[in-house]
Amino acid sequence: MPLHKIEDVLSCAESKKTFFIRIERLYSCFSKEHRFIERAYEDAKDAFRDVERDNGDPYLVHVRAVAIILIDYLFIFSRIDLRISAHEILAAALLHDVVEDCPEWSLSRINRDYGRNVAWLLDYVSKRPVAEFGGDKNKQLSFYHGRFVTAPLEFFLIKLADRLHNQLTLWSCDEQKIRNKIEQTKEYYIIWAKRWGILAHELEATTQDADKRIKEHIEQCAIT
């Protein structure tokens, strides 16, 4: 099952030091690309300094895991089909939630600090505020997923890695959030994963595992 491989990639205890050992496979610690990624790492760490995920992990663990999937599982350092440089994609991966979740960050700030390519990717990655849709979350999500039609490969590398890590770490969330994530993954993400050939088997495996767990939970509740 492909999940064993991805779980192995993410299984080691991580730190900034071990993360940047990966970066130094391609970029010298003295290079501008290394400094670019390191700045994004520190900005993400600062933006989510006091934020924890549902399982109690610091939020930085999630964005770092997305970047690790890109490096060690999707091998972006060796891909030849990218229009955006690997260091910009990794910076966008580390910063992928800041525009949506942190009021002090905006696309204009991303453009100023990280350039048009990173801002372009975050424009696709980030949902528009629900207030722009009259508070209707369904309209917000419909608009967001509708833009996938024009999104570039580099967006899907980040977004599908993000979705995969979310699927792997669902089980501290409340039941409704788990069900919503699974249904969204089936309705939107697996379809695009198959079209682009990115993490399709892995996302299918996580949904199958989730369906099995939910079925077992329902059966257990019926017994008790």
Foldseek 3Di string as FASTA:
>chain_A
DCVVVLCVLLVDDDDPVVLVVLVCVQDPCPDPLVVLLVVLLVVLCVQQVPPADLVGHRPQSLLSSLLSCVCPPVNPVPDPPDPDDNSLLNSLSSCLCCCQPGVVDHLVVCCVSPNDVSSVLSVLSHFDPCVVVVVDVVVSVCVNLVCVVVDDPSSLSSVVSSLLSCLVPVVSDDPVVNVVSLVCCVPGVLVVCVVSVHCNVSSVVSSVVSVVVVVVVVVVVVVD
